[in-house]
């Protein structure tokens, strides 16, 4: 290990009996800032079989180790959660355990077990909850998505037939430009892939509306290409959103009954977090968000040809202008901008073939500050109520996850610079609770076209047992649990939850007898192009 940012390293392998560390599972660093001592989690191979691993933890940079669990198959960190799957017998199914205190205590998740032919996948997570995919038996290319409570223990069914292809890739996407929005694809019974979106952290899912400027049949919807399509080279990039560009989403998609791999993908834009969409560019493009959403840039994909033109929009994709950034076209390799969307410049890089057959790499940086010279003022911004779907402006309009949020954001018709000092500001007002602020508890599901949670037929009664931090509890549930991070107040309140401790269970972490507490011994040059004020062409139609 190293305590001086890699200047020197100390051999601590004798602390773990020189056990081999599995390469792809090996070491995970616990959450914490670089200024404090972070916890190191080591997954150590004790035998040739993957299910015989031992999960160990050190809090003192390798001086001592603590065994968290044996018979571990895999592990990882996400958000506030340490998770690991356990296979106690080579022929037994795997079960999932979670810890929210870095392995001090852990609990078995209430999830279906996975056989050796199945897998678990953590799709996303933060300090409040997790999205978990559980594979279906056989080569089905789909599974079931679950969402957890704030302890990572109680999981509720969120979406069935969730697509997870043969490359172990999911199209699940967190839309970071608006709170609570997630996008993914499902494989329906008819074998077709269809896109669905959730505006309440997986509580409910719906199909995407057809774009406002696209003509199609009444039963058509917008379907978004994800990792599955990128892996098959149908699209060059995934859906893009940024926390500083409120409500803005850019993605490749197709319009119809389902996602089409034969239909040429086009680019679509949403300005309200995925509720409504417009078609904005024909064909696949590379794209990037600049100036906190005040500027979008795109480069068209030419499979065999060379590029010399960049497209840019100052009104969230309604109109596009074209600019030739070089007189010598080159083969496109990438579009890069400064992380965080604050910048006003973007680099286009690629290569030109030379006479000797060797490529000459080229990077052109385009600075848009010479075009957009005016700094935005108060008149350039407007108040925008997020998740607003009711034109009558009812009391519940905009209420999602128990909160109404009104943002200050740039008007589409304003051509000005947000600038590097731009900060997203919002006003929050709590909403009265309804059933929509609750997920169906373990053993319950939402009846079709209703918000009521009903007990699953195979659940004999309202109680079930679970192992929590070394104690087995009997849980009585009314069928509802509040969505993690939901801030609603008053209103609908389901019956409370009663727990009765029955007997001890599980195993708490114990010091590794083989690790004694002793001290450790001594251990290409880019070209900058200034954008001219003259634009060659303007596109305002899709």
Protein backbone atom coordinates (compact mmCIF):
# COMPACT_ATOMS: atom_id res chain seq x y z
CA UNK A 1 0.00 0.00 0.00
CA UNK A 2 0.97 3.68 -0.31
CA UNK A 3 0.24 6.58 2.05
CA UNK A 4 2.01 9.28 0.04
CA UNK A 5 0.06 9.25 -3.25
CA UNK A 6 2.23 6.55 -4.84
CA UNK A 7 5.70 7.95 -4.10
CA UNK A 8 6.51 4.84 -2.08
CA UNK A 9 4.82 1.51 -1.42
CA UNK A 10 4.85 -0.90 1.54
CA UNK A 11 4.53 -4.68 1.19
CA UNK A 12 1.64 -5.83 3.39
CA UNK A 13 1.07 -9.22 1.74
CA UNK A 14 2.34 -10.99 4.88
CA UNK A 15 -0.67 -9.53 6.70
CA UNK A 16 -2.97 -11.63 4.51
CA UNK A 17 -0.76 -14.74 4.44
CA UNK A 18 0.42 -13.82 0.92
CA UNK A 19 -3.02 -14.76 -0.39
CA UNK A 20 -3.64 -14.06 -4.06
CA UNK A 21 -5.97 -11.12 -4.71
CA UNK A 22 -8.43 -11.74 -7.51
CA UNK A 23 -7.62 -9.22 -10.23
CA UNK A 24 -11.10 -8.13 -11.31
CA UNK A 25 -12.54 -8.20 -7.79
CA UNK A 26 -9.49 -7.29 -5.72
CA UNK A 27 -9.54 -4.03 -3.79
CA UNK A 28 -12.22 -1.47 -3.09
CA UNK A 29 -11.74 1.77 -1.19
CA UNK A 30 -14.48 2.79 1.20
CA UNK A 31 -16.20 6.16 0.94
CA UNK A 32 -14.43 9.15 2.46
CA UNK A 33 -12.33 12.13 1.50
CA UNK A 34 -8.69 11.85 0.57
CA UNK A 35 -7.81 13.91 3.63
CA UNK A 36 -9.01 11.20 6.01
CA UNK A 37 -8.07 7.56 6.35
CA UNK A 38 -10.44 5.63 4.11
CA UNK A 39 -11.38 2.01 4.74
CA UNK A 40 -9.83 -0.52 2.39
CA UNK A 41 -11.87 -3.57 1.50
CA UNK A 42 -9.89 -6.56 0.24
CA UNK A 43 -11.43 -9.58 -1.45
CA UNK A 44 -8.96 -12.44 -1.09
CA UNK A 45 -8.94 -15.73 -2.96
CA UNK A 46 -8.57 -18.60 -0.48
CA UNK A 47 -9.11 -21.36 -3.06
CA UNK A 48 -9.42 -21.87 -6.79
CA UNK A 49 -13.21 -21.64 -6.73
CA UNK A 50 -14.64 -18.14 -6.94
CA UNK A 51 -17.28 -18.83 -4.27
CA UNK A 52 -14.58 -19.58 -1.67
CA UNK A 53 -13.37 -16.00 -1.32
CA UNK A 54 -13.03 -14.23 2.01
CA UNK A 55 -13.99 -10.58 2.35
CA UNK A 56 -11.67 -8.69 4.69
CA UNK A 57 -11.41 -5.10 5.83
CA UNK A 58 -8.61 -2.95 7.16
CA UNK A 59 -9.07 0.37 8.95
CA UNK A 60 -5.38 1.03 9.54
CA UNK A 61 -3.93 0.79 6.02
CA UNK A 62 -3.07 -2.89 6.22
CA UNK A 63 -1.70 -3.25 9.77
CA UNK A 64 -4.63 -5.44 10.81
CA UNK A 65 -7.49 -7.11 8.97
CA UNK A 66 -11.02 -8.08 9.97
CA UNK A 67 -13.02 -10.87 8.33
CA UNK A 68 -16.38 -9.59 7.16
CA UNK A 69 -17.66 -12.80 5.57
CA UNK A 70 -16.52 -16.08 4.03
CA UNK A 71 -17.80 -17.95 0.95
CA UNK A 72 -18.00 -14.67 -0.95
CA UNK A 73 -18.67 -14.74 -4.70
CA UNK A 74 -18.38 -11.01 -5.50
CA UNK A 75 -18.50 -7.63 -3.77
CA UNK A 76 -18.45 -3.89 -4.37
CA UNK A 77 -19.25 -0.40 -3.10
CA UNK A 78 -21.92 1.98 -4.37
CA UNK A 79 -23.26 5.06 -2.61
CA UNK A 80 -23.30 4.34 1.12
CA UNK A 81 -23.59 0.57 0.66
CA UNK A 82 -21.10 -2.28 0.77
CA UNK A 83 -22.63 -5.31 -0.93
CA UNK A 84 -21.49 -8.89 -1.45
CA UNK A 85 -23.03 -12.14 -2.66
CA UNK A 86 -22.45 -15.38 -0.78
CA UNK A 87 -22.51 -18.96 -2.06
CA UNK A 88 -22.23 -21.25 0.96
CA UNK A 89 -22.16 -24.39 -1.19
CA UNK A 90 -20.96 -24.83 -4.81
CA UNK A 91 -24.43 -26.08 -5.75
CA UNK A 92 -26.43 -23.64 -3.65
CA UNK A 93 -27.91 -20.39 -4.99
CA UNK A 94 -26.21 -17.11 -4.16
CA UNK A 95 -27.74 -14.66 -1.71
CA UNK A 96 -27.01 -10.94 -1.41
CA UNK A 97 -25.89 -9.12 1.74
CA UNK A 98 -25.67 -5.37 2.34
CA UNK A 99 -23.96 -3.19 4.90
CA UNK A 100 -24.44 0.54 5.40
CA UNK A 101 -21.70 0.86 8.04
CA UNK A 102 -18.71 -0.43 6.00
CA UNK A 103 -19.03 -4.01 7.18
CA UNK A 104 -19.50 -3.49 10.93
CA UNK A 105 -22.89 -5.17 10.56
CA UNK A 106 -24.61 -6.64 7.54
CA UNK A 107 -28.02 -8.01 6.63
CA UNK A 108 -29.34 -10.39 4.03
CA UNK A 109 -31.31 -8.59 1.35
CA UNK A 110 -34.88 -9.69 0.77
CA UNK A 111 -34.30 -10.59 -2.86
CA UNK A 112 -34.76 -13.75 -4.92
CA UNK A 113 -31.66 -15.93 -4.73
CA UNK A 114 -29.54 -16.42 -7.85
CA UNK A 115 -28.33 -19.77 -9.18
CA UNK A 116 -24.90 -20.28 -10.70
CA UNK A 117 -26.45 -19.51 -14.12
CA UNK A 118 -27.94 -16.22 -12.93
CA UNK A 119 -26.41 -12.96 -11.74
CA UNK A 120 -27.09 -9.85 -9.69
CA UNK A 121 -26.27 -6.39 -10.98
CA UNK A 122 -26.32 -3.10 -9.07
CA UNK A 123 -27.67 -0.61 -11.61
CA UNK A 124 -27.38 2.57 -9.57
CA UNK A 125 -27.32 3.78 -5.99
CA UNK A 126 -26.75 6.67 -3.64
CA UNK A 127 -26.98 7.36 0.09
CA UNK A 128 -30.71 6.52 0.15
CA UNK A 129 -31.45 3.55 -2.08
CA UNK A 130 -30.28 1.01 -4.64
CA UNK A 131 -31.53 -0.23 -7.99
CA UNK A 132 -30.89 -3.97 -8.35
CA UNK A 133 -31.29 -6.22 -11.39
CA UNK A 134 -31.88 -9.95 -10.74
CA UNK A 135 -31.37 -12.12 -13.80
CA UNK A 136 -34.08 -14.54 -14.90
CA UNK A 137 -33.11 -18.23 -15.20
CA UNK A 138 -31.86 -19.32 -18.61
CA UNK A 139 -30.56 -17.23 -21.50
CA UNK A 140 -33.54 -14.89 -21.52
CA UNK A 141 -31.66 -11.56 -21.79
CA UNK A 142 -33.98 -10.02 -19.21
CA UNK A 143 -34.65 -10.02 -15.49
CA UNK A 144 -36.47 -8.11 -12.79
CA UNK A 145 -35.49 -4.71 -11.41
CA UNK A 146 -35.90 -4.06 -7.69
CA UNK A 147 -35.55 -0.92 -5.57
CA UNK A 148 -34.35 -0.96 -1.97
CA UNK A 149 -35.22 0.85 1.20
CA UNK A 150 -32.70 3.20 2.79
CA UNK A 151 -30.92 0.26 4.49
CA UNK A 152 -30.49 -1.83 1.35
CA UNK A 153 -32.48 -4.68 2.91
CA UNK A 154 -36.11 -4.52 1.84
CA UNK A 155 -36.42 -4.68 -1.95
CA UNK A 156 -39.59 -4.07 -3.93
CA UNK A 157 -40.29 -5.13 -7.50
CA UNK A 158 -39.95 -2.09 -9.76
CA UNK A 159 -39.93 -3.38 -13.36
CA UNK A 160 -40.36 -6.82 -14.91
CA UNK A 161 -38.68 -8.04 -18.12
CA UNK A 162 -35.88 -5.50 -17.71
CA UNK A 163 -33.45 -5.83 -20.64
CA UNK A 164 -29.97 -7.14 -19.84
CA UNK A 165 -28.27 -8.45 -22.96
CA UNK A 166 -25.78 -11.25 -23.52
CA UNK A 167 -22.86 -8.86 -22.98
CA UNK A 168 -24.09 -8.20 -19.43
CA UNK A 169 -25.03 -4.66 -20.48
CA UNK A 170 -28.06 -2.70 -19.31
CA UNK A 171 -29.67 0.38 -20.84
CA UNK A 172 -30.53 1.73 -17.37
CA UNK A 173 -29.76 5.48 -17.22
CA UNK A 174 -30.02 8.05 -14.45
CA UNK A 175 -31.28 11.34 -15.93
CA UNK A 176 -29.21 13.67 -13.76
CA UNK A 177 -30.79 16.89 -15.05
CA UNK A 178 -33.99 16.30 -13.06
CA UNK A 179 -34.51 14.67 -9.67
CA UNK A 180 -36.09 11.22 -9.65
CA UNK A 181 -35.92 10.47 -13.39
CA UNK A 182 -34.60 7.16 -14.75
CA UNK A 183 -34.72 5.68 -18.23
CA UNK A 184 -34.30 2.08 -19.38
CA UNK A 185 -35.46 -0.55 -21.88
CA UNK A 186 -37.50 -3.71 -21.40
CA UNK A 187 -37.83 -6.84 -23.52
CA UNK A 188 -41.53 -7.50 -23.95
CA UNK A 189 -43.18 -10.88 -24.46
CA UNK A 190 -43.39 -10.29 -28.22
CA UNK A 191 -39.58 -10.05 -28.35
CA UNK A 192 -39.52 -6.31 -29.02
CA UNK A 193 -37.48 -3.78 -27.06
CA UNK A 194 -39.41 -0.79 -25.71
CA UNK A 195 -38.25 2.22 -23.70
CA UNK A 196 -39.81 3.18 -20.38
CA UNK A 197 -39.19 6.13 -18.07
CA UNK A 198 -39.80 6.70 -14.36
CA UNK A 199 -40.22 10.13 -12.79
CA UNK A 200 -40.37 8.88 -9.17
CA UNK A 201 -37.24 6.75 -8.69
CA UNK A 202 -38.69 3.53 -10.05
CA UNK A 203 -42.06 3.72 -8.33
CA UNK A 204 -43.91 3.61 -11.66
CA UNK A 205 -42.80 3.31 -15.28
CA UNK A 206 -44.40 4.53 -18.49
CA UNK A 207 -43.57 4.66 -22.18
CA UNK A 208 -42.10 7.85 -23.64
CA UNK A 209 -44.36 10.22 -25.54
CA UNK A 210 -43.89 10.50 -29.28
CA UNK A 211 -41.95 13.65 -30.24
CA UNK A 212 -44.04 16.75 -30.85
CA UNK A 213 -42.65 17.37 -34.35
CA UNK A 214 -42.73 13.79 -35.64
CA UNK A 215 -45.72 12.35 -37.50
CA UNK A 216 -46.57 8.74 -36.74
CA UNK A 217 -49.49 6.52 -35.79
CA UNK A 218 -51.39 7.07 -32.57
CA UNK A 219 -49.86 4.01 -30.93
CA UNK A 220 -46.24 4.99 -31.58
CA UNK A 221 -43.76 6.12 -28.95
CA UNK A 222 -40.20 7.33 -28.71
CA UNK A 223 -37.69 4.59 -27.90
CA UNK A 224 -34.17 5.43 -26.73
CA UNK A 225 -30.99 3.60 -27.72
CA UNK A 226 -28.80 2.59 -24.80
CA UNK A 227 -25.71 0.54 -24.01
CA UNK A 228 -27.12 -2.44 -25.91
CA UNK A 229 -27.23 -0.35 -29.12
CA UNK A 230 -23.86 1.28 -28.49
CA UNK A 231 -22.27 -2.14 -28.04
CA UNK A 232 -23.68 -3.14 -31.42
CA UNK A 233 -22.42 0.14 -32.98
CA UNK A 234 -25.89 1.38 -33.81
CA UNK A 235 -25.25 4.66 -31.97
CA UNK A 236 -21.93 6.32 -31.06
CA UNK A 237 -22.86 7.77 -27.66
CA UNK A 238 -25.43 7.26 -24.90
CA UNK A 239 -28.12 9.58 -23.57
CA UNK A 240 -26.63 12.73 -22.05
CA UNK A 241 -27.81 14.86 -19.13
CA UNK A 242 -26.05 17.09 -16.62
CA UNK A 243 -27.08 18.35 -13.14
CA UNK A 244 -26.21 21.93 -14.14
CA UNK A 245 -28.40 21.83 -17.28
CA UNK A 246 -31.80 21.51 -15.60
CA UNK A 247 -34.30 19.39 -17.53
CA UNK A 248 -32.08 18.94 -20.60
CA UNK A 249 -31.74 15.42 -22.07
CA UNK A 250 -30.13 14.51 -25.41
CA UNK A 251 -30.42 10.97 -26.77
CA UNK A 252 -30.50 8.79 -29.87
CA UNK A 253 -33.79 7.11 -30.58
CA UNK A 254 -36.37 5.90 -33.04
CA UNK A 255 -40.10 6.46 -33.25
CA UNK A 256 -42.52 3.57 -33.67
CA UNK A 257 -43.96 0.55 -31.92
CA UNK A 258 -40.56 -0.52 -30.56
CA UNK A 259 -36.84 0.20 -30.72
CA UNK A 260 -35.57 -0.46 -34.22
CA UNK A 261 -32.04 -1.63 -35.03
CA UNK A 262 -32.64 -1.31 -38.78
CA UNK A 263 -34.11 2.18 -38.68
CA UNK A 264 -31.51 4.96 -38.80
CA UNK A 265 -31.28 6.46 -35.28
CA UNK A 266 -31.92 10.18 -34.94
CA UNK A 267 -31.16 12.64 -32.13
CA UNK A 268 -33.96 13.80 -29.83
CA UNK A 269 -34.00 16.46 -27.12
CA UNK A 270 -36.15 16.97 -24.03
CA UNK A 271 -36.20 20.26 -22.12
CA UNK A 272 -38.32 19.01 -19.21
CA UNK A 273 -36.51 15.89 -18.03
CA UNK A 274 -38.13 13.41 -20.41
CA UNK A 275 -41.82 14.31 -20.31
CA UNK A 276 -41.83 15.84 -23.80
CA UNK A 277 -39.42 15.42 -26.72
CA UNK A 278 -38.61 16.92 -30.12
CA UNK A 279 -36.69 15.47 -33.04
CA UNK A 280 -33.64 17.67 -33.49
CA UNK A 281 -30.98 16.06 -35.74
CA UNK A 282 -31.23 13.44 -38.47
CA UNK A 283 -28.84 10.53 -38.16
CA UNK A 284 -26.35 9.61 -35.41
CA UNK A 285 -24.17 12.34 -33.88
CA UNK A 286 -21.61 12.90 -31.17
CA UNK A 287 -22.86 15.65 -28.84
CA UNK A 288 -21.88 17.62 -25.77
CA UNK A 289 -23.46 20.15 -23.37
CA UNK A 290 -21.64 23.44 -22.70
CA UNK A 291 -22.28 26.58 -20.63
CA UNK A 292 -24.62 24.84 -18.14
CA UNK A 293 -27.04 23.92 -20.92
CA UNK A 294 -26.98 27.27 -22.72
CA UNK A 295 -25.08 25.69 -25.61
CA UNK A 296 -25.23 22.27 -27.27
CA UNK A 297 -22.68 21.11 -29.86
CA UNK A 298 -22.81 18.10 -32.18
CA UNK A 299 -20.72 16.43 -34.88
CA UNK A 300 -22.42 14.17 -37.39
CA UNK A 301 -21.15 10.61 -37.66
CA UNK A 302 -19.61 9.75 -41.02
CA UNK A 303 -18.76 6.06 -40.99
CA UNK A 304 -16.22 6.29 -43.80
CA UNK A 305 -15.90 10.00 -44.55
CA UNK A 306 -14.03 12.86 -42.91
CA UNK A 307 -15.45 15.78 -40.92
CA UNK A 308 -14.90 19.53 -40.95
CA UNK A 309 -18.22 20.88 -39.60
CA UNK A 310 -19.63 21.28 -36.10
CA UNK A 311 -23.27 22.07 -35.31
CA UNK A 312 -24.32 24.18 -32.33
CA UNK A 313 -27.59 25.29 -30.75
CA UNK A 314 -28.36 28.03 -28.21
CA UNK A 315 -32.04 27.11 -27.74
CA UNK A 316 -31.91 23.49 -26.53
CA UNK A 317 -31.94 21.96 -29.99
CA UNK A 318 -34.77 23.89 -31.65
CA UNK A 319 -32.40 25.51 -34.19
CA UNK A 320 -28.89 24.55 -35.24
CA UNK A 321 -26.10 26.57 -36.86
CA UNK A 322 -23.20 25.08 -38.80
CA UNK A 323 -19.56 26.10 -38.62
CA UNK A 324 -16.60 24.78 -40.62
CA UNK A 325 -13.80 24.52 -38.08
CA UNK A 326 -11.06 23.40 -40.49
CA UNK A 327 -10.16 23.64 -44.17
CA UNK A 328 -8.53 20.22 -44.06
CA UNK A 329 -11.08 17.53 -43.08
CA UNK A 330 -9.95 14.62 -40.94
CA UNK A 331 -11.27 11.31 -39.68
CA UNK A 332 -13.24 11.96 -36.51
CA UNK A 333 -12.14 10.22 -33.28
CA UNK A 334 -13.77 12.14 -30.44
CA UNK A 335 -15.49 15.20 -29.02
CA UNK A 336 -14.17 16.45 -25.68
CA UNK A 337 -15.08 19.30 -23.37
CA UNK A 338 -14.16 20.30 -19.86
CA UNK A 339 -16.07 18.26 -17.23
CA UNK A 340 -18.96 20.01 -15.52
CA UNK A 341 -20.51 21.83 -18.54
CA UNK A 342 -19.14 25.24 -17.43
CA UNK A 343 -16.82 25.67 -20.41
CA UNK A 344 -17.57 27.55 -23.62
CA UNK A 345 -15.10 25.61 -25.78
CA UNK A 346 -14.95 22.10 -27.15
CA UNK A 347 -12.21 20.06 -28.81
CA UNK A 348 -12.71 17.92 -31.89
CA UNK A 349 -9.95 15.42 -32.41
CA UNK A 350 -9.06 12.83 -35.01
CA UNK A 351 -6.38 12.01 -37.57
CA UNK A 352 -5.32 12.61 -41.15
CA UNK A 353 -3.56 9.86 -43.12
CA UNK A 354 -0.03 10.79 -44.19
CA UNK A 355 1.85 9.73 -47.31
CA UNK A 356 3.84 7.15 -45.34
CA UNK A 357 0.58 5.55 -44.18
CA UNK A 358 0.96 6.70 -40.59
CA UNK A 359 -1.86 8.80 -39.09
CA UNK A 360 -1.20 12.36 -37.98
CA UNK A 361 -3.34 13.14 -34.95
CA UNK A 362 -5.15 16.49 -34.92
CA UNK A 363 -7.07 18.33 -32.19
CA UNK A 364 -9.03 21.50 -32.93
CA UNK A 365 -10.41 23.55 -30.04
CA UNK A 366 -13.39 25.75 -30.91
CA UNK A 367 -14.02 28.72 -28.61
CA UNK A 368 -17.65 29.91 -28.66
CA UNK A 369 -17.06 32.99 -26.49
CA UNK A 370 -16.38 35.06 -29.62
CA UNK A 371 -19.91 34.33 -30.82
CA UNK A 372 -21.85 34.46 -27.55
CA UNK A 373 -20.34 37.59 -26.07
CA UNK A 374 -23.13 38.90 -23.83
CA UNK A 375 -23.36 37.85 -20.19
CA UNK A 376 -26.87 36.83 -19.13
CA UNK A 377 -28.87 39.16 -16.87
CA UNK A 378 -32.03 38.66 -14.79
CA UNK A 379 -34.34 39.19 -17.78
CA UNK A 380 -32.78 36.20 -19.54
CA UNK A 381 -34.03 33.75 -16.92
CA UNK A 382 -37.45 32.34 -16.06
CA UNK A 383 -39.05 30.41 -13.20
CA UNK A 384 -39.72 26.80 -14.19
CA UNK A 385 -41.76 24.31 -12.16
CA UNK A 386 -40.20 20.87 -12.54
CA UNK A 387 -42.44 17.84 -13.24
CA UNK A 388 -45.31 20.16 -14.17
CA UNK A 389 -47.86 18.17 -16.20
CA UNK A 390 -51.17 19.85 -15.26
CA UNK A 391 -51.94 23.05 -17.18
CA UNK A 392 -54.68 23.87 -14.65
CA UNK A 393 -51.93 24.31 -12.04
CA UNK A 394 -53.64 22.14 -9.43
CA UNK A 395 -52.32 21.69 -5.90
CA UNK A 396 -50.55 18.43 -6.84
CA UNK A 397 -49.03 19.80 -10.05
CA UNK A 398 -45.25 19.36 -9.92
CA UNK A 399 -45.32 17.18 -6.79
CA UNK A 400 -42.77 14.39 -7.20
CA UNK A 401 -41.08 12.58 -4.32
CA UNK A 402 -43.03 14.77 -1.91
CA UNK A 403 -41.66 18.07 -3.15
CA UNK A 404 -42.39 20.88 -5.60
CA UNK A 405 -39.23 22.37 -7.08
CA UNK A 406 -39.14 25.64 -9.01
CA UNK A 407 -35.87 26.32 -10.83
CA UNK A 408 -34.40 29.50 -12.28
CA UNK A 409 -33.17 28.66 -15.74
CA UNK A 410 -32.26 30.29 -19.04
CA UNK A 411 -35.02 31.15 -21.51
CA UNK A 412 -34.72 29.35 -24.85
CA UNK A 413 -34.78 32.60 -26.83
CA UNK A 414 -31.97 34.19 -24.78
CA UNK A 415 -28.61 34.16 -26.55
CA UNK A 416 -26.14 34.89 -23.77
CA UNK A 417 -23.54 33.25 -21.54
CA UNK A 418 -24.45 31.64 -18.23
CA UNK A 419 -20.74 31.82 -17.41
CA UNK A 420 -18.58 29.91 -14.99
CA UNK A 421 -20.19 31.55 -11.95
CA UNK A 422 -23.65 30.23 -12.82
CA UNK A 423 -25.22 28.27 -9.96
CA UNK A 424 -28.45 26.27 -10.17
CA UNK A 425 -31.00 27.81 -7.78
CA UNK A 426 -34.37 26.37 -6.80
CA UNK A 427 -37.27 26.80 -4.39
CA UNK A 428 -38.69 23.75 -2.62
CA UNK A 429 -42.18 23.32 -1.13
CA UNK A 430 -43.26 20.02 0.54
CA UNK A 431 -46.43 18.31 -0.72
CA UNK A 432 -49.09 16.28 1.15
CA UNK A 433 -48.41 12.53 0.97
CA UNK A 434 -50.37 10.27 -1.39
CA UNK A 435 -50.00 6.60 -2.32
CA UNK A 436 -47.67 7.73 -5.09
CA UNK A 437 -45.13 8.69 -2.41
CA UNK A 438 -44.94 5.04 -1.34
CA UNK A 439 -43.53 1.91 -2.92
CA UNK A 440 -45.18 -1.46 -2.51
CA UNK A 441 -43.45 -3.37 0.27
CA UNK A 442 -41.82 -6.78 -0.06
CA UNK A 443 -44.51 -9.32 -1.06
CA UNK A 444 -46.82 -6.65 -2.49
CA UNK A 445 -47.37 -5.19 -5.94
CA UNK A 446 -49.35 -2.38 -7.55
CA UNK A 447 -52.58 -3.47 -9.15
CA UNK A 448 -52.92 -2.54 -12.83
CA UNK A 449 -54.07 1.06 -13.37
CA UNK A 450 -54.30 1.78 -9.64
CA UNK A 451 -51.97 3.15 -6.98
CA UNK A 452 -53.07 0.59 -4.40
CA UNK A 453 -50.57 -2.04 -3.20
CA UNK A 454 -52.03 -5.55 -2.97
CA UNK A 455 -50.49 -8.71 -1.56
CA UNK A 456 -48.94 -11.16 -4.02
CA UNK A 457 -50.90 -14.43 -4.30
CA UNK A 458 -48.00 -16.56 -3.06
CA UNK A 459 -47.64 -14.50 0.13
CA UNK A 460 -49.65 -16.41 2.79
CA UNK A 461 -49.93 -13.61 5.35
CA UNK A 462 -48.70 -10.14 6.22
CA UNK A 463 -45.62 -11.29 8.17
CA UNK A 464 -42.22 -12.48 7.03
CA UNK A 465 -38.87 -13.05 8.70
CA UNK A 466 -35.61 -11.36 7.92
CA UNK A 467 -32.11 -11.28 9.41
CA UNK A 468 -31.09 -7.76 10.44
CA UNK A 469 -27.67 -7.05 11.94
CA UNK A 470 -27.52 -10.36 13.79
CA UNK A 471 -31.14 -10.50 14.94
CA UNK A 472 -34.04 -12.28 13.24
CA UNK A 473 -37.09 -10.05 13.06
CA UNK A 474 -40.68 -10.80 12.24
CA UNK A 475 -42.06 -7.95 10.19
CA UNK A 476 -45.70 -6.97 9.96
CA UNK A 477 -46.34 -4.66 7.02
CA UNK A 478 -49.30 -2.74 5.65
CA UNK A 479 -47.90 -3.18 2.14
CA UNK A 480 -46.43 0.30 1.70
CA UNK A 481 -43.08 1.90 2.40
CA UNK A 482 -42.09 5.46 1.70
CA UNK A 483 -39.87 6.08 -1.29
CA UNK A 484 -36.34 6.83 -0.04
CA UNK A 485 -35.62 10.59 -0.09
CA UNK A 486 -39.35 11.40 -0.42
CA UNK A 487 -40.08 14.61 1.52
CA UNK A 488 -43.91 14.63 1.62
CA UNK A 489 -45.67 15.74 4.79
CA UNK A 490 -49.11 14.76 6.14
CA UNK A 491 -51.77 13.36 3.82
CA UNK A 492 -51.97 9.60 3.22
CA UNK A 493 -50.36 7.51 5.98
CA UNK A 494 -50.43 3.68 5.86
CA UNK A 495 -50.47 1.58 9.00
CA UNK A 496 -47.20 1.35 10.90
CA UNK A 497 -44.68 -1.46 10.81
CA UNK A 498 -44.31 -3.78 13.83
CA UNK A 499 -41.12 -5.76 14.46
CA UNK A 500 -40.61 -8.57 16.96
CA UNK A 501 -37.12 -9.91 17.73
CA UNK A 502 -37.12 -13.71 17.71
CA UNK A 503 -33.53 -15.03 17.93
CA UNK A 504 -29.96 -14.19 16.89
CA UNK A 505 -28.87 -14.94 13.34
CA UNK A 506 -26.05 -14.18 10.91
CA UNK A 507 -22.39 -13.61 11.70
CA UNK A 508 -20.83 -10.33 12.74
CA UNK A 509 -17.33 -9.36 11.60
CA UNK A 510 -14.52 -10.91 13.57
CA UNK A 511 -10.81 -10.15 13.68
CA UNK A 512 -8.68 -12.22 11.35
CA UNK A 513 -6.71 -14.60 13.59
CA UNK A 514 -3.89 -14.67 11.05
CA UNK A 515 -3.39 -10.89 11.23
CA UNK A 516 -1.71 -9.66 14.39
CA UNK A 517 -1.60 -5.99 15.27
CA UNK A 518 2.04 -5.21 14.66
CA UNK A 519 3.74 -2.34 12.92
CA UNK A 520 4.52 -2.50 9.23
CA UNK A 521 8.22 -2.31 8.17
CA UNK A 522 9.87 0.37 6.00
CA UNK A 523 8.46 0.10 3.69
CA UNK A 524 -0.52 15.95 -29.24
CA UNK A 525 -0.49 19.65 -29.51
CA UNK A 526 -4.07 21.04 -30.01
CA UNK A 527 -4.82 23.89 -32.42
CA UNK A 528 -7.10 26.65 -31.08
CA UNK A 529 -9.67 28.04 -33.49
CA UNK A 530 -11.62 31.19 -32.61
CA UNK A 531 -15.20 30.93 -33.84
CA UNK A 532 -16.03 33.67 -36.33
CA UNK A 533 -19.27 35.62 -36.04
CA UNK A 534 -20.38 34.60 -39.51
CA UNK A 535 -22.42 31.36 -39.59
CA UNK A 536 -22.59 29.44 -42.81
CA UNK A 537 -26.01 27.87 -42.40
CA UNK A 538 -28.91 27.73 -39.96
CA UNK A 539 -31.12 24.68 -39.38
CA UNK A 540 -34.46 25.19 -37.58
CA UNK A 541 -36.33 22.16 -38.81
CA UNK A 542 -35.98 18.46 -38.06
